[in-house]
Protein backbone atom coordinates (compact mmCIF):
# COMPACT_ATOMS: atom_id res chain seq x y z
CA MET A 1 0.00 0.00 0.00
CA GLU A 2 1.22 3.48 -0.86
CA ALA A 3 2.53 5.75 1.86
CA LYS A 4 -0.12 8.35 1.01
CA THR A 5 -2.91 5.81 1.51
CA ARG A 6 -1.36 4.67 4.78
CA GLU A 7 -1.32 8.26 6.04
CA GLN A 8 -4.94 8.67 5.00
CA HIS A 9 -5.89 5.57 7.01
CA LEU A 10 -3.94 6.83 10.06
CA GLN A 11 -5.71 10.18 9.93
CA ALA A 12 -9.12 8.64 9.29
CA GLN A 13 -8.76 6.30 12.27
CA GLN A 14 -7.83 9.16 14.59
CA SER A 15 -10.70 11.35 13.47
CA SER A 16 -13.19 8.46 13.60
CA GLY A 17 -12.83 8.05 17.37
CA LYS A 18 -12.79 4.28 16.91
CA THR A 19 -10.16 1.96 18.26
CA ILE A 20 -7.57 0.66 15.80
CA VAL A 21 -9.03 -2.83 16.02
CA ALA A 22 -12.58 -1.58 15.24
CA TYR A 23 -11.35 0.67 12.41
CA CYS A 24 -9.32 -2.14 10.82
CA ALA A 25 -12.21 -4.66 11.13
CA GLN A 26 -14.52 -2.33 9.16
CA ARG A 27 -11.95 -1.91 6.36
CA ASN A 28 -10.46 -5.42 6.24
CA LEU A 29 -7.06 -4.25 7.45
CA SER A 30 -4.70 -6.12 9.73
CA PRO A 31 -4.40 -4.36 13.09
CA SER A 32 -0.74 -5.39 13.40
CA THR A 33 -0.01 -3.89 9.99
CA PHE A 34 -1.84 -0.73 11.00
CA TYR A 35 0.28 -0.49 14.20
CA ASN A 36 3.41 -0.87 12.03
CA TRP A 37 2.23 1.98 9.80
CA ARG A 38 1.63 4.15 12.85
CA PHE A 39 5.08 3.34 14.25
CA GLU A 40 6.80 4.11 10.94
CA SER A 41 4.86 7.35 10.63
CA LYS A 42 5.95 8.47 14.08
CA GLN A 43 9.57 7.66 13.27
CA LYS A 44 9.44 9.95 10.22
CA THR A 45 7.86 12.79 12.15
CA ILE A 46 10.71 14.57 13.87
CA PRO A 47 9.90 17.91 15.44
CA VAL A 48 11.99 20.77 14.08
CA ILE A 49 12.67 23.73 16.29
CA GLN A 50 12.75 26.79 14.12
CA ASN A 51 14.30 29.22 16.57
CA PRO A 52 15.79 27.34 19.50
CA PRO A 53 15.99 29.37 22.67
CA LYS A 54 19.36 31.01 23.20
CA LYS A 55 21.38 29.76 26.06
CA SER A 56 22.05 32.44 28.56
CA GLU A 57 25.61 33.56 28.47
CA ALA A 58 27.59 33.16 31.65
CA THR A 59 28.90 36.38 33.05
CA PHE A 60 31.43 37.04 35.74
CA ARG A 61 31.26 39.88 38.18
CA GLU A 62 33.92 40.28 40.83
CA VAL A 63 32.53 41.03 44.25
CA ILE A 64 34.91 42.22 46.96
CA LEU A 65 33.51 41.98 50.43
CA PRO A 66 35.01 43.97 53.27
CA LEU A 67 36.92 41.80 55.72
CA PRO A 68 36.82 42.22 59.48
CA PRO A 69 40.12 43.49 60.89
CA HIS A 70 41.02 40.19 62.54
CA MET A 71 40.89 38.45 59.12
CA LYS A 72 43.07 40.95 57.21
CA SER A 73 46.23 39.66 58.85
CA ALA A 74 45.44 36.15 57.64
CA LEU A 75 45.51 37.33 54.04
CA GLY A 76 48.54 39.59 54.23
CA TYR A 77 49.62 42.78 55.93
CA CYS A 78 47.94 46.12 56.38
CA ILE A 79 50.16 49.18 56.99
CA SER A 80 48.65 52.53 58.00
CA THR A 81 50.69 55.71 58.43
CA ALA A 82 49.58 57.87 61.31
CA GLY A 83 47.99 61.14 60.28
CA SER A 84 48.53 60.81 56.56
CA GLY A 85 45.41 58.83 55.73
CA PHE A 86 47.35 56.27 53.68
CA THR A 87 46.75 52.56 54.13
CA LEU A 88 48.77 49.93 52.30
CA THR A 89 47.47 46.38 52.16
CA ILE A 90 50.09 43.85 51.15
CA PRO A 91 49.07 40.33 50.20
CA ARG A 92 51.22 37.39 51.33
CA GLY A 93 54.02 36.63 48.89
CA PHE A 94 54.45 40.27 47.83
CA ASP A 95 58.01 41.23 46.79
CA ALA A 96 59.88 42.91 49.69
CA GLU A 97 61.68 45.37 47.39
CA GLU A 98 58.36 46.60 46.01
CA VAL A 99 57.09 47.05 49.58
CA LYS A 100 60.13 49.21 50.38
CA SER A 101 59.48 51.37 47.30
CA LEU A 102 55.82 51.85 48.20
CA LEU A 103 56.72 52.75 51.81
CA SER A 104 59.27 55.29 50.62
CA LEU A 105 56.66 56.89 48.38
CA MET A 106 54.23 57.05 51.29
CA SER A 107 56.81 58.66 53.54
CA ALA A 108 57.89 61.14 50.80
CA ARG A 109 54.26 62.16 50.31
CA LYS A 110 53.94 62.81 54.06
CA ALA A 111 56.81 65.32 54.04
C-alpha cells in the first residue's frame, strides 16, 4: 500500500474516534499492519525547532567583600601611616623590594 494511503488511514482512524481494532475490522485491514504503519509514521515525524531558545551567556562579576580587621592579617599585611590617611594592604608573597618602594613613596608624600 502506498505511503499516502497509509497516512490517509492513520488520519481517518484518529478522526473516527474508533479503536484501531474496530477501524481495521470495518476496512479489512490487519491491526498489526496498522500499528506498524503508525510506528513508521511516528519515526518519520521529527519535530523541528525553528528558533531554538538562546542559552544564557555566563557572566562574571567580581565582588569584593570587606573583611573584618582580625581576618586581614590572615591574608597579608595592612600598613597605615599615622595622620597621613594612607593605608597599604600587602598580600602574602608580595616582593619585599616593592614594599620598600611603596613605603618610601608614602613617607615622601607625608613630608
